[in-house]
């Protein structure tokens, strides 16, 4: 299980809103609707 938005924000020293904006942009680019789906799609594409 991965980190939540608040944990990512704290780790990167950015706001939770910024994290959520980046996540939404990733969803659009990968044509997915969840973090789990994004992870599977990104792995399938060789991005991670």
Protein backbone atom coordinates (compact mmCIF):
# COMPACT_ATOMS: atom_id res chain seq x y z
CA UNK A 1 0.00 0.00 0.00
CA UNK A 2 1.31 3.44 -0.94
CA UNK A 3 1.37 6.81 0.76
CA UNK A 4 -1.66 9.06 1.03
CA UNK A 5 -1.72 12.65 -0.26
CA UNK A 6 -0.88 14.15 3.13
CA UNK A 7 2.16 11.90 3.57
CA UNK A 8 3.40 12.62 0.04
CA UNK A 9 2.93 16.36 0.61
CA UNK A 10 4.92 16.23 3.85
CA UNK A 11 7.69 14.17 2.25
CA UNK A 12 8.02 16.57 -0.70
CA UNK A 13 7.35 19.70 1.37
CA UNK A 14 4.47 20.80 -0.86
CA UNK A 15 0.77 21.27 -0.16
CA UNK A 16 -1.73 18.43 -0.26
CA UNK A 17 -3.62 20.43 -2.89
CA UNK A 18 -0.54 20.39 -5.15
CA UNK A 19 -0.21 16.62 -4.71
CA UNK A 20 -3.87 16.13 -5.59
CA UNK A 21 -3.52 18.33 -8.68
CA UNK A 22 -0.57 16.25 -9.90
CA UNK A 23 -2.45 13.01 -9.21
CA UNK A 24 -5.47 14.27 -11.19
CA UNK A 25 -3.20 15.16 -14.11
CA UNK A 26 -1.69 11.66 -14.01
CA UNK A 27 -5.19 10.14 -14.04
CA UNK A 28 -6.04 12.12 -17.18
CA UNK A 29 -2.80 11.21 -18.96
CA UNK A 30 -3.16 7.52 -18.13
CA UNK A 31 -6.95 7.52 -18.66
CA UNK A 32 -7.65 6.00 -15.22
CA UNK A 33 -9.78 6.87 -12.20
CA UNK A 34 -7.87 5.53 -9.19
CA UNK A 35 -4.35 5.33 -7.81
CA UNK A 36 -4.41 1.54 -7.99
CA UNK A 37 -5.45 1.66 -11.63
CA UNK A 38 -2.79 4.29 -12.33
CA UNK A 39 -0.11 2.10 -10.75
CA UNK A 40 -1.13 -0.92 -12.83
CA UNK A 41 -1.30 1.12 -16.05
CA UNK A 42 2.05 2.83 -15.37
CA UNK A 43 3.71 -0.51 -14.63
CA UNK A 44 2.24 -2.01 -17.80
CA UNK A 45 3.65 0.92 -19.78
CA UNK A 46 7.09 0.46 -18.21
CA UNK A 47 6.95 3.81 -16.39
CA UNK A 48 7.64 2.26 -12.98
